[in-house]
Amino acid sequence: MFEHLYDETEQANVSFVGCISERARYDFSIIFTNHFFGKPLVVCMQTGRSAVISADDLDHVDYLQKMFHITDDKVGEDLSVFLKTRIPVMGYHDQY
């Protein structure tokens, strides 16, 4: 038996972006929704791995590497720089 927690429908903005560096290629969908306190859901379309990420999280390359199973530190840094151009900075009060 499951306890029902939520069932919401909303219109979301989705951005599909691809990037390539000297070491890796990524294809992401970035889903902007109000459901996760305004943080976008970032999905790697190649692996299916996903994470709810804020702009603050992008300063923690080790977090990105863990979420997307990246073992190369340089690839993690490159991904952080790329996502910083796509994920907006939000104030604390905007998130919660």
Protein backbone atom coordinates (compact mmCIF):
# COMPACT_ATOMS: atom_id res chain seq x y z
CA MET A 1 0.00 0.00 0.00
CA PHE A 2 1.29 3.47 -0.87
CA GLU A 3 0.52 6.77 0.78
CA HIS A 4 -0.28 9.41 -1.83
CA LEU A 5 2.12 12.36 -1.50
CA TYR A 6 1.34 14.52 -4.52
CA ASP A 7 -0.03 14.47 -8.05
CA GLU A 8 0.55 17.74 -9.86
CA THR A 9 0.45 18.82 -13.46
CA GLU A 10 2.06 21.99 -14.74
CA GLN A 11 3.36 23.49 -17.92
CA ALA A 12 7.16 23.32 -17.90
CA ASN A 13 9.77 24.94 -20.08
CA VAL A 14 12.25 22.45 -21.49
CA SER A 15 15.55 23.32 -23.08
CA PHE A 16 17.49 20.74 -25.08
CA VAL A 17 21.20 21.48 -25.24
CA GLY A 18 24.26 19.66 -26.44
CA CYS A 19 27.88 20.38 -25.73
CA ILE A 20 31.19 18.92 -26.68
CA SER A 21 34.64 19.42 -25.22
CA GLU A 22 37.98 17.89 -26.05
CA ARG A 23 37.12 14.95 -23.78
CA ALA A 24 33.36 14.40 -23.83
CA ARG A 25 30.02 15.07 -25.46
CA TYR A 26 26.77 15.57 -23.58
CA ASP A 27 23.16 15.99 -24.61
CA PHE A 28 20.93 17.36 -21.87
CA SER A 29 17.35 18.30 -21.36
CA ILE A 30 16.90 21.00 -18.74
CA ILE A 31 13.38 21.11 -17.35
CA PHE A 32 12.40 24.35 -15.68
CA THR A 33 9.52 23.80 -13.28
CA ASN A 34 8.19 25.15 -10.01
CA HIS A 35 7.94 21.68 -8.54
CA PHE A 36 11.50 21.46 -7.18
CA PHE A 37 11.50 24.86 -5.46
CA GLY A 38 12.33 26.46 -8.80
CA LYS A 39 15.45 24.36 -9.37
CA PRO A 40 15.67 22.80 -12.84
CA LEU A 41 15.81 19.07 -13.43
CA VAL A 42 18.84 18.27 -15.60
CA VAL A 43 18.68 14.98 -17.52
CA CYS A 44 21.56 13.47 -19.46
CA MET A 45 19.80 12.04 -22.48
CA GLN A 46 22.68 9.66 -23.21
CA THR A 47 22.68 7.90 -19.85
CA GLY A 48 19.28 8.78 -18.38
CA ARG A 49 20.92 10.10 -15.22
CA SER A 50 19.27 13.15 -13.75
CA ALA A 51 19.64 15.62 -10.92
CA VAL A 52 17.83 18.63 -9.54
CA ILE A 53 20.50 21.31 -9.73
CA SER A 54 20.73 24.91 -8.62
CA ALA A 55 23.32 27.43 -9.76
CA ASP A 56 25.00 27.04 -6.34
CA ASP A 57 25.44 23.31 -6.96
CA LEU A 58 27.51 24.09 -10.05
CA ASP A 59 30.30 25.38 -7.81
CA HIS A 60 30.65 21.83 -6.45
CA VAL A 61 32.20 19.93 -9.34
CA ASP A 62 32.44 16.78 -7.23
CA TYR A 63 28.63 16.82 -6.84
CA LEU A 64 28.16 17.05 -10.61
CA GLN A 65 30.63 14.25 -11.15
CA LYS A 66 28.77 12.06 -8.67
CA MET A 67 25.33 12.81 -10.12
CA PHE A 68 26.37 12.12 -13.71
CA HIS A 69 29.00 9.43 -12.98
CA ILE A 70 31.90 11.44 -14.39
CA THR A 71 35.35 10.20 -13.42
CA ASP A 72 37.48 12.80 -15.23
CA ASP A 73 37.89 15.98 -13.15
CA LYS A 74 38.46 18.13 -16.26
CA VAL A 75 35.18 16.89 -17.81
CA GLY A 76 33.40 17.74 -14.55
CA GLU A 77 34.86 21.24 -14.59
CA ASP A 78 33.91 21.73 -18.25
CA LEU A 79 30.37 20.57 -17.54
CA SER A 80 30.10 22.99 -14.61
CA VAL A 81 31.18 25.90 -16.79
CA PHE A 82 28.71 24.92 -19.51
CA LEU A 83 25.75 24.49 -17.17
CA LYS A 84 26.48 27.85 -15.54
CA THR A 85 25.50 29.42 -18.87
CA ARG A 86 22.15 27.59 -18.80
CA ILE A 87 20.99 27.48 -15.17
CA PRO A 88 19.88 30.80 -13.69
CA VAL A 89 21.10 32.11 -10.36
CA MET A 90 18.24 32.31 -7.88
CA GLY A 91 18.12 33.96 -4.50
CA TYR A 92 17.41 31.90 -1.42
CA HIS A 93 13.90 33.32 -1.07
CA ASP A 94 13.14 32.42 -4.71
CA GLN A 95 13.96 28.77 -4.05
CA TYR A 96 12.03 28.26 -0.79
